[in-house]
Amino acid sequence: MIAEQSTETLSVALIQTDLFWENTTANLATLEEKIATLSGPVDIIVLPEMFNSGFTMNTAAAEPMNFTTTRWMKQMAAQANALVIGSFAVKEEGRFYNRLMCVAPDGSYVFNDKKHLFSFGNEHLTYTPGKSRLIINYKGWKVCPLVCYDLRFPVWSRNSASDPYDILIYVANWPARRAHAWNTLLKARAIENQSYVVGVNRVGSDANGLTYQGDSVALDYLGEPLSMLANAETEKIVTFHKGDLDAYRVAFPALNDADDFQINW
């Protein structure tokens, strides 16, 4: 990931959209238009989970790295001069991954694979789980991006006083029937980690018979909403302030009292 000059503010675009089922061409064309018509310049663009296909277990929808979707993300990052974040199905060395990609304007990228696979939907039968957590240093901000079901497991997102992140981002295909959990857990992650939180979900319905109502949101470090998106295709730009976050952590240093532990694989 390229080094950028540090900035006091960071503008993040939440792209809440319907998705065409297993149709990469249609999804990328729609998202390209939405990115091109954002209301202003942004630093980070956040797309939903499996933004090029919908939440599918069909391995025919998976791509190798540096193929159509990777190249498209590089193009969007360059055109928008922004870090683009989202996940899609990847085929690599005979295995399949729900891979979260973070692509910078210069074309460099980092990624990690979804750690907690949704066994209730048989995701674990198709995809291989990730084994590492990613924290990006971008424009002087530390960003921790995770995928959908990871939201239910607070240990995986736990912040650290010794090396804290500033923004926690979740990309998701989170069904409307569990919207209360989505809304509640996002607030909990913000409060317990003293971090800004972004959750970007899709709307519409898919071939699994599931309905999605969006509820994409940006929260401050108190769990208070800075922006809440309704059940519709929409885009929203939210600005975060580093000074406000740092001042709050100094005034109320709860992270210093957090439990010290390691995850055993």
C-alpha atoms as a PDB file:
ATOM      1  CA  MET A   1       0.000   0.000   0.000  1.00  0.00           C
ATOM      2  CA  ILE A   2       1.422   3.356  -1.006  1.00  0.00           C
ATOM      3  CA  ALA A   3       2.435   5.923   1.604  1.00  0.00           C
ATOM      4  CA  GLU A   4       0.311   9.051   1.568  1.00  0.00           C
ATOM      5  CA  GLN A   5       0.627  12.412   3.252  1.00  0.00           C
ATOM      6  CA  SER A   6      -1.263  12.394   6.550  1.00  0.00           C
ATOM      7  CA  THR A   7      -4.587  14.206   6.621  1.00  0.00           C
ATOM      8  CA  GLU A   8      -6.654  15.480   9.547  1.00  0.00           C
ATOM      9  CA  THR A   9      -9.899  14.553   7.814  1.00  0.00           C
ATOM     10  CA  LEU A  10     -10.812  11.493   5.784  1.00  0.00           C
ATOM     11  CA  SER A  11     -13.803  11.354   3.436  1.00  0.00           C
ATOM     12  CA  VAL A  12     -15.389   7.934   2.933  1.00  0.00           C
ATOM     13  CA  ALA A  13     -18.013   7.097   0.304  1.00  0.00           C
ATOM     14  CA  LEU A  14     -20.570   4.415   1.186  1.00  0.00           C
ATOM     15  CA  ILE A  15     -21.960   2.770  -1.972  1.00  0.00           C
ATOM     16  CA  GLN A  16     -25.238   0.999  -1.135  1.00  0.00           C
ATOM     17  CA  THR A  17     -26.541  -0.790  -4.221  1.00  0.00           C
ATOM     18  CA  ASP A  18     -28.632  -3.640  -5.563  1.00  0.00           C
ATOM     19  CA  LEU A  19     -26.617  -6.382  -7.264  1.00  0.00           C
ATOM     20  CA  PHE A  20     -27.217  -8.344 -10.452  1.00  0.00           C
ATOM     21  CA  TRP A  21     -27.015 -12.052  -9.669  1.00  0.00           C
ATOM     22  CA  GLU A  22     -23.723 -13.548 -10.890  1.00  0.00           C
ATOM     23  CA  ASN A  23     -23.387 -10.866 -13.565  1.00  0.00           C
ATOM     24  CA  THR A  24     -19.989  -9.239 -13.237  1.00  0.00           C
ATOM     25  CA  THR A  25     -20.357  -7.071 -16.331  1.00  0.00           C
ATOM     26  CA  ALA A  26     -23.637  -5.508 -15.187  1.00  0.00           C
ATOM     27  CA  ASN A  27     -22.472  -4.974 -11.607  1.00  0.00           C
ATOM     28  CA  LEU A  28     -19.197  -3.321 -12.555  1.00  0.00           C
ATOM     29  CA  ALA A  29     -20.909  -1.058 -15.093  1.00  0.00           C
ATOM     30  CA  THR A  30     -23.495   0.051 -12.508  1.00  0.00           C
ATOM     31  CA  LEU A  31     -20.908   0.648  -9.808  1.00  0.00           C
ATOM     32  CA  GLU A  32     -18.656   2.539 -12.207  1.00  0.00           C
ATOM     33  CA  GLU A  33     -21.488   4.967 -12.903  1.00  0.00           C
ATOM     34  CA  LYS A  34     -22.206   5.409  -9.190  1.00  0.00           C
ATOM     35  CA  ILE A  35     -18.545   6.124  -8.438  1.00  0.00           C
ATOM     36  CA  ALA A  36     -18.255   8.566 -11.341  1.00  0.00           C
ATOM     37  CA  THR A  37     -21.258  10.567 -10.115  1.00  0.00           C
ATOM     38  CA  LEU A  38     -20.269  10.894  -6.449  1.00  0.00           C
ATOM     39  CA  SER A  39     -21.065  14.358  -5.141  1.00  0.00           C
ATOM     40  CA  GLY A  40     -17.475  15.227  -4.330  1.00  0.00           C
ATOM     41  CA  PRO A  41     -13.885  13.988  -4.014  1.00  0.00           C
ATOM     42  CA  VAL A  42     -13.297  11.155  -1.560  1.00  0.00           C
ATOM     43  CA  ASP A  43     -10.390   9.340   0.052  1.00  0.00           C
ATOM     44  CA  ILE A  44     -11.965   5.878   0.406  1.00  0.00           C
ATOM     45  CA  ILE A  45     -14.781   4.173  -1.522  1.00  0.00           C
ATOM     46  CA  VAL A  46     -16.482   1.210   0.178  1.00  0.00           C
ATOM     47  CA  LEU A  47     -18.453  -1.364  -1.842  1.00  0.00           C
ATOM     48  CA  PRO A  48     -20.575  -4.277  -0.526  1.00  0.00           C
ATOM     49  CA  GLU A  49     -19.417  -7.865  -0.047  1.00  0.00           C
ATOM     50  CA  MET A  50     -19.165  -9.831  -3.319  1.00  0.00           C
ATOM     51  CA  PHE A  51     -20.036  -6.642  -5.182  1.00  0.00           C
ATOM     52  CA  ASN A  52     -19.537  -8.212  -8.611  1.00  0.00           C
ATOM     53  CA  SER A  53     -21.829 -11.228  -8.170  1.00  0.00           C
ATOM     54  CA  GLY A  54     -23.988 -11.214  -5.059  1.00  0.00           C
ATOM     55  CA  PHE A  55     -23.440 -13.694  -2.226  1.00  0.00           C
ATOM     56  CA  THR A  56     -23.027 -16.831  -4.319  1.00  0.00           C
ATOM     57  CA  MET A  57     -21.578 -20.268  -3.622  1.00  0.00           C
ATOM     58  CA  ASN A  58     -21.278 -20.908  -7.363  1.00  0.00           C
ATOM     59  CA  THR A  59     -17.545 -21.239  -7.999  1.00  0.00           C
ATOM     60  CA  ALA A  60     -18.088 -20.404 -11.668  1.00  0.00           C
ATOM     61  CA  ALA A  61     -18.459 -16.796 -10.513  1.00  0.00           C
ATOM     62  CA  ALA A  62     -14.948 -16.776  -9.003  1.00  0.00           C
ATOM     63  CA  GLU A  63     -12.063 -15.075 -10.796  1.00  0.00           C
ATOM     64  CA  PRO A  64      -8.302 -15.434 -10.618  1.00  0.00           C
ATOM     65  CA  MET A  65      -6.407 -12.482  -9.216  1.00  0.00           C
ATOM     66  CA  ASN A  66      -5.479  -9.671 -11.613  1.00  0.00           C
ATOM     67  CA  PHE A  67      -8.392 -10.526 -13.868  1.00  0.00           C
ATOM     68  CA  THR A  68     -11.522  -8.496 -14.710  1.00  0.00           C
ATOM     69  CA  THR A  69     -12.575  -7.333 -11.230  1.00  0.00           C
ATOM     70  CA  THR A  70      -9.066  -6.614  -9.950  1.00  0.00           C
ATOM     71  CA  ARG A  71      -8.326  -4.564 -13.062  1.00  0.00           C
ATOM     72  CA  TRP A  72     -11.630  -2.729 -12.682  1.00  0.00           C
ATOM     73  CA  MET A  73     -10.824  -1.856  -9.056  1.00  0.00           C
ATOM     74  CA  LYS A  74      -7.456  -0.472 -10.160  1.00  0.00           C
ATOM     75  CA  GLN A  75      -9.169   1.618 -12.817  1.00  0.00           C
ATOM     76  CA  MET A  76     -11.753   2.980 -10.365  1.00  0.00           C
ATOM     77  CA  ALA A  77      -9.101   3.781  -7.760  1.00  0.00           C
ATOM     78  CA  ALA A  78      -7.048   5.701 -10.330  1.00  0.00           C
ATOM     79  CA  GLN A  79     -10.018   7.599 -11.755  1.00  0.00           C
ATOM     80  CA  ALA A  80     -11.422   8.560  -8.348  1.00  0.00           C
ATOM     81  CA  ASN A  81      -7.978   9.050  -6.772  1.00  0.00           C
ATOM     82  CA  ALA A  82      -9.264   6.993  -3.845  1.00  0.00           C
ATOM     83  CA  LEU A  83      -8.690   3.732  -2.024  1.00  0.00           C
ATOM     84  CA  VAL A  84     -11.375   1.266  -3.204  1.00  0.00           C
ATOM     85  CA  ILE A  85     -12.479  -1.487  -0.809  1.00  0.00           C
ATOM     86  CA  GLY A  86     -14.786  -4.442  -1.473  1.00  0.00           C
ATOM     87  CA  SER A  87     -14.820  -8.239  -1.657  1.00  0.00           C
ATOM     88  CA  PHE A  88     -15.335 -10.738  -4.457  1.00  0.00           C
ATOM     89  CA  ALA A  89     -14.910 -14.468  -5.047  1.00  0.00           C
ATOM     90  CA  VAL A  90     -11.361 -15.436  -6.020  1.00  0.00           C
ATOM     91  CA  LYS A  91      -9.975 -18.705  -7.378  1.00  0.00           C
ATOM     92  CA  GLU A  92      -6.359 -19.377  -6.467  1.00  0.00           C
ATOM     93  CA  GLU A  93      -4.341 -22.593  -6.641  1.00  0.00           C
ATOM     94  CA  GLY A  94      -7.454 -24.764  -6.706  1.00  0.00           C
ATOM     95  CA  ARG A  95      -9.115 -23.037  -3.741  1.00  0.00           C
ATOM     96  CA  PHE A  96     -11.778 -20.355  -3.481  1.00  0.00           C
ATOM     97  CA  TYR A  97     -11.779 -17.296  -1.233  1.00  0.00           C
ATOM     98  CA  ASN A  98     -14.182 -14.506  -0.323  1.00  0.00           C
ATOM     99  CA  ARG A  99     -11.395 -11.985  -0.728  1.00  0.00           C
ATOM    100  CA  LEU A 100     -11.473  -8.400   0.501  1.00  0.00           C
ATOM    101  CA  MET A 101      -9.365  -6.155  -1.732  1.00  0.00           C
ATOM    102  CA  CYS A 102      -8.040  -2.675  -0.927  1.00  0.00           C
ATOM    103  CA  VAL A 103      -6.750  -0.978  -4.076  1.00  0.00           C
ATOM    104  CA  ALA A 104      -4.897   2.350  -4.032  1.00  0.00           C
ATOM    105  CA  PRO A 105      -4.852   4.994  -6.783  1.00  0.00           C
ATOM    106  CA  ASP A 106      -1.393   3.916  -7.981  1.00  0.00           C
ATOM    107  CA  GLY A 107      -2.648   0.357  -8.572  1.00  0.00           C
ATOM    108  CA  SER A 108      -0.984  -1.187  -5.539  1.00  0.00           C
ATOM    109  CA  TYR A 109      -3.200  -3.368  -3.393  1.00  0.00           C
ATOM    110  CA  VAL A 110      -3.418  -5.487  -0.284  1.00  0.00           C
ATOM    111  CA  PHE A 111      -6.005  -8.080   0.635  1.00  0.00           C
ATOM    112  CA  ASN A 112      -7.211 -10.527   3.229  1.00  0.00           C
ATOM    113  CA  ASP A 113      -9.689 -13.367   3.057  1.00  0.00           C
ATOM    114  CA  LYS A 114     -12.897 -13.537   5.058  1.00  0.00           C
ATOM    115  CA  LYS A 115     -12.068 -15.224   8.352  1.00  0.00           C
ATOM    116  CA  HIS A 116     -15.509 -16.285   9.606  1.00  0.00           C
ATOM    117  CA  LEU A 117     -17.351 -18.166   6.890  1.00  0.00           C
ATOM    118  CA  PHE A 118     -21.146 -18.267   7.146  1.00  0.00           C
ATOM    119  CA  SER A 119     -21.758 -21.969   7.783  1.00  0.00           C
ATOM    120  CA  PHE A 120     -25.509 -21.379   8.089  1.00  0.00           C
ATOM    121  CA  GLY A 121     -25.388 -20.576   4.360  1.00  0.00           C
ATOM    122  CA  ASN A 122     -22.789 -23.292   3.589  1.00  0.00           C
ATOM    123  CA  GLU A 123     -20.112 -20.738   2.782  1.00  0.00           C
ATOM    124  CA  HIS A 124     -17.563 -22.928   4.572  1.00  0.00           C
ATOM    125  CA  LEU A 125     -18.194 -25.734   2.057  1.00  0.00           C
ATOM    126  CA  THR A 126     -17.083 -23.532  -0.830  1.00  0.00           C
ATOM    127  CA  TYR A 127     -14.560 -21.019   0.442  1.00  0.00           C
ATOM    128  CA  THR A 128     -11.336 -21.279   2.436  1.00  0.00           C
ATOM    129  CA  PRO A 129     -11.129 -19.063   5.541  1.00  0.00           C
ATOM    130  CA  GLY A 130      -8.543 -16.340   5.936  1.00  0.00           C
ATOM    131  CA  LYS A 131      -5.839 -16.563   8.572  1.00  0.00           C
ATOM    132  CA  SER A 132      -4.810 -12.977   9.102  1.00  0.00           C
ATOM    133  CA  ARG A 133      -6.298  -9.597   9.899  1.00  0.00           C
ATOM    134  CA  LEU A 134      -5.405  -6.575   7.825  1.00  0.00           C
ATOM    135  CA  ILE A 135      -4.737  -3.049   9.062  1.00  0.00           C
ATOM    136  CA  ILE A 136      -3.951  -0.475   6.377  1.00  0.00           C
ATOM    137  CA  ASN A 137      -2.069   2.751   6.938  1.00  0.00           C
ATOM    138  CA  TYR A 138      -3.619   5.215   4.489  1.00  0.00           C
ATOM    139  CA  LYS A 139      -3.115   8.982   4.585  1.00  0.00           C
ATOM    140  CA  GLY A 140      -2.026   8.707   8.191  1.00  0.00           C
ATOM    141  CA  TRP A 141      -5.139   6.767   9.216  1.00  0.00           C
ATOM    142  CA  LYS A 142      -5.147   3.134  10.262  1.00  0.00           C
ATOM    143  CA  VAL A 143      -8.046   1.243   8.702  1.00  0.00           C
ATOM    144  CA  CYS A 144      -9.196  -2.293   9.570  1.00  0.00           C
ATOM    145  CA  PRO A 145     -11.455  -3.783   6.846  1.00  0.00           C
ATOM    146  CA  LEU A 146     -13.485  -6.956   7.556  1.00  0.00           C
ATOM    147  CA  VAL A 147     -16.224  -8.943   5.821  1.00  0.00           C
ATOM    148  CA  CYS A 148     -19.881  -9.383   6.861  1.00  0.00           C
ATOM    149  CA  TYR A 149     -20.096 -12.354   9.291  1.00  0.00           C
ATOM    150  CA  ASP A 150     -16.820 -11.219  10.910  1.00  0.00           C
ATOM    151  CA  LEU A 151     -19.014  -8.589  12.596  1.00  0.00           C
ATOM    152  CA  ARG A 152     -20.440 -11.206  14.990  1.00  0.00           C
ATOM    153  CA  PHE A 153     -17.037 -12.075  16.458  1.00  0.00           C
ATOM    154  CA  PRO A 154     -15.652  -9.202  18.562  1.00  0.00           C
ATOM    155  CA  VAL A 155     -12.303 -10.865  19.300  1.00  0.00           C
ATOM    156  CA  TRP A 156     -11.386 -10.675  15.613  1.00  0.00           C
ATOM    157  CA  SER A 157     -12.017  -6.924  15.490  1.00  0.00           C
ATOM    158  CA  ARG A 158     -10.534  -6.069  18.898  1.00  0.00           C
ATOM    159  CA  ASN A 159      -8.595  -2.813  18.922  1.00  0.00           C
ATOM    160  CA  SER A 160      -5.268  -2.410  20.691  1.00  0.00           C
ATOM    161  CA  ALA A 161      -3.963   0.510  22.744  1.00  0.00           C
ATOM    162  CA  SER A 162      -0.407  -0.256  21.610  1.00  0.00           C
ATOM    163  CA  ASP A 163      -1.259  -0.224  17.881  1.00  0.00           C
ATOM    164  CA  PRO A 164      -4.787   1.136  17.482  1.00  0.00           C
ATOM    165  CA  TYR A 165      -6.712   1.439  14.249  1.00  0.00           C
ATOM    166  CA  ASP A 166      -8.912   4.469  13.614  1.00  0.00           C
ATOM    167  CA  ILE A 167     -11.640   3.136  11.322  1.00  0.00           C
ATOM    168  CA  LEU A 168     -13.278  -0.284  11.286  1.00  0.00           C
ATOM    169  CA  ILE A 169     -14.961  -1.121   7.956  1.00  0.00           C
ATOM    170  CA  TYR A 170     -17.397  -3.958   7.252  1.00  0.00           C
ATOM    171  CA  VAL A 171     -18.509  -4.885   3.720  1.00  0.00           C
ATOM    172  CA  ALA A 172     -21.611  -7.076   3.744  1.00  0.00           C
ATOM    173  CA  ASN A 173     -24.526  -8.943   2.203  1.00  0.00           C
ATOM    174  CA  TRP A 174     -26.536  -8.925   5.447  1.00  0.00           C
ATOM    175  CA  PRO A 175     -30.194 -10.063   5.090  1.00  0.00           C
ATOM    176  CA  ALA A 176     -33.078  -7.892   6.275  1.00  0.00           C
ATOM    177  CA  ARG A 177     -34.323 -10.637   8.596  1.00  0.00           C
ATOM    178  CA  ARG A 178     -31.235 -10.063  10.771  1.00  0.00           C
ATOM    179  CA  ALA A 179     -31.131  -6.268  10.462  1.00  0.00           C
ATOM    180  CA  HIS A 180     -31.463  -5.745  14.226  1.00  0.00           C
ATOM    181  CA  ALA A 181     -28.243  -7.689  14.796  1.00  0.00           C
ATOM    182  CA  TRP A 182     -26.450  -5.715  12.070  1.00  0.00           C
ATOM    183  CA  ASN A 183     -27.435  -2.360  13.537  1.00  0.00           C
ATOM    184  CA  THR A 184     -26.721  -3.377  17.134  1.00  0.00           C
ATOM    185  CA  LEU A 185     -23.362  -5.048  16.534  1.00  0.00           C
ATOM    186  CA  LEU A 186     -21.989  -2.174  14.462  1.00  0.00           C
ATOM    187  CA  LYS A 187     -22.689   0.201  17.355  1.00  0.00           C
ATOM    188  CA  ALA A 188     -21.092  -2.240  19.793  1.00  0.00           C
ATOM    189  CA  ARG A 189     -17.935  -2.506  17.685  1.00  0.00           C
ATOM    190  CA  ALA A 190     -17.621   1.300  17.612  1.00  0.00           C
ATOM    191  CA  ILE A 191     -18.093   1.676  21.366  1.00  0.00           C
ATOM    192  CA  GLU A 192     -15.857  -1.168  22.508  1.00  0.00           C
ATOM    193  CA  ASN A 193     -13.039  -0.307  20.102  1.00  0.00           C
ATOM    194  CA  GLN A 194     -13.281   3.500  20.422  1.00  0.00           C
ATOM    195  CA  SER A 195     -13.201   3.677  16.654  1.00  0.00           C
ATOM    196  CA  TYR A 196     -15.115   5.121  13.752  1.00  0.00           C
ATOM    197  CA  VAL A 197     -17.125   2.326  12.100  1.00  0.00           C
ATOM    198  CA  VAL A 198     -18.423   1.984   8.542  1.00  0.00           C
ATOM    199  CA  GLY A 199     -20.834  -0.773   7.515  1.00  0.00           C
ATOM    200  CA  VAL A 200     -21.788  -1.047   3.828  1.00  0.00           C
ATOM    201  CA  ASN A 201     -24.572  -3.471   2.951  1.00  0.00           C
ATOM    202  CA  ARG A 202     -26.531  -4.125  -0.240  1.00  0.00           C
ATOM    203  CA  VAL A 203     -30.239  -3.714  -1.011  1.00  0.00           C
ATOM    204  CA  GLY A 204     -32.658  -5.734  -3.173  1.00  0.00           C
ATOM    205  CA  SER A 205     -32.992  -9.516  -3.305  1.00  0.00           C
ATOM    206  CA  ASP A 206     -30.944 -12.423  -4.615  1.00  0.00           C
ATOM    207  CA  ALA A 207     -31.342 -15.923  -6.053  1.00  0.00           C
ATOM    208  CA  ASN A 208     -31.072 -17.372  -2.549  1.00  0.00           C
ATOM    209  CA  GLY A 209     -34.493 -15.898  -1.795  1.00  0.00           C
ATOM    210  CA  LEU A 210     -33.008 -13.341   0.615  1.00  0.00           C
ATOM    211  CA  THR A 211     -34.020  -9.704   0.894  1.00  0.00           C
ATOM    212  CA  TYR A 212     -31.616  -6.948   1.887  1.00  0.00           C
ATOM    213  CA  GLN A 213     -32.605  -3.562   3.293  1.00  0.00           C
ATOM    214  CA  GLY A 214     -29.249  -1.825   3.303  1.00  0.00           C
ATOM    215  CA  ASP A 215     -28.947  -0.021   6.645  1.00  0.00           C
ATOM    216  CA  SER A 216     -25.453   1.053   5.650  1.00  0.00           C
ATOM    217  CA  VAL A 217     -24.083   3.381   8.283  1.00  0.00           C
ATOM    218  CA  ALA A 218     -21.158   5.479   9.463  1.00  0.00           C
ATOM    219  CA  LEU A 219     -20.741   5.711  13.238  1.00  0.00           C
ATOM    220  CA  ASP A 220     -18.469   7.745  15.452  1.00  0.00           C
ATOM    221  CA  TYR A 221     -16.369   6.340  18.303  1.00  0.00           C
ATOM    222  CA  LEU A 222     -19.350   6.655  20.670  1.00  0.00           C
ATOM    223  CA  GLY A 223     -21.531   4.522  18.429  1.00  0.00           C
ATOM    224  CA  GLU A 224     -23.542   7.565  17.375  1.00  0.00           C
ATOM    225  CA  PRO A 225     -24.621   7.707  13.717  1.00  0.00           C
ATOM    226  CA  LEU A 226     -22.947  10.219  11.435  1.00  0.00           C
ATOM    227  CA  SER A 227     -24.965   8.936   8.492  1.00  0.00           C
ATOM    228  CA  MET A 228     -27.640   6.257   8.117  1.00  0.00           C
ATOM    229  CA  LEU A 229     -28.748   5.072   4.678  1.00  0.00           C
ATOM    230  CA  ALA A 230     -32.345   4.008   4.081  1.00  0.00           C
ATOM    231  CA  ASN A 231     -33.577   0.972   2.151  1.00  0.00           C
ATOM    232  CA  ALA A 232     -32.684   2.266  -1.307  1.00  0.00           C
ATOM    233  CA  GLU A 233     -29.828   2.440  -3.767  1.00  0.00           C
ATOM    234  CA  THR A 234     -27.854   5.455  -2.644  1.00  0.00           C
ATOM    235  CA  GLU A 235     -24.378   6.838  -2.047  1.00  0.00           C
ATOM    236  CA  LYS A 236     -23.216   8.929   0.874  1.00  0.00           C
ATOM    237  CA  ILE A 237     -19.944  10.686   1.650  1.00  0.00           C
ATOM    238  CA  VAL A 238     -18.994  10.972   5.317  1.00  0.00           C
ATOM    239  CA  THR A 239     -16.039  12.893   6.749  1.00  0.00           C
ATOM    240  CA  PHE A 240     -14.123  11.667   9.801  1.00  0.00           C
ATOM    241  CA  HIS A 241     -11.916  13.874  11.990  1.00  0.00           C
ATOM    242  CA  LYS A 242      -8.707  12.451  13.429  1.00  0.00           C
ATOM    243  CA  GLY A 243      -8.323  15.173  16.046  1.00  0.00           C
ATOM    244  CA  ASP A 244     -11.747  14.446  17.520  1.00  0.00           C
ATOM    245  CA  LEU A 245     -10.977  10.727  17.743  1.00  0.00           C
ATOM    246  CA  ASP A 246      -7.579  11.246  19.343  1.00  0.00           C
ATOM    247  CA  ALA A 247      -8.953  13.741  21.858  1.00  0.00           C
ATOM    248  CA  TYR A 248     -11.696  11.329  22.916  1.00  0.00           C
ATOM    249  CA  ARG A 249      -9.234   8.489  23.430  1.00  0.00           C
ATOM    250  CA  VAL A 250      -7.031  10.709  25.579  1.00  0.00           C
ATOM    251  CA  ALA A 251      -9.993  11.907  27.654  1.00  0.00           C
ATOM    252  CA  PHE A 252     -11.386   8.374  28.101  1.00  0.00           C
ATOM    253  CA  PRO A 253      -8.521   5.862  27.632  1.00  0.00           C
ATOM    254  CA  ALA A 254     -10.571   2.678  27.942  1.00  0.00           C
ATOM    255  CA  LEU A 255      -8.400   0.824  25.423  1.00  0.00           C
ATOM    256  CA  ASN A 256      -5.598   0.857  27.999  1.00  0.00           C
ATOM    257  CA  ASP A 257      -7.664  -1.515  30.181  1.00  0.00           C
ATOM    258  CA  ALA A 258      -8.438  -4.030  27.417  1.00  0.00           C
ATOM    259  CA  ASP A 259      -7.554  -7.709  27.929  1.00  0.00           C
ATOM    260  CA  ASP A 260      -4.279  -8.858  26.441  1.00  0.00           C
ATOM    261  CA  PHE A 261      -4.584 -12.092  24.457  1.00  0.00           C
ATOM    262  CA  GLN A 262      -3.482 -13.908  21.317  1.00  0.00           C
ATOM    263  CA  ILE A 263      -5.566 -15.892  18.844  1.00  0.00           C
ATOM    264  CA  ASN A 264      -4.532 -19.542  18.472  1.00  0.00           C
ATOM    265  CA  TRP A 265      -5.016 -20.955  14.958  1.00  0.00           C
END
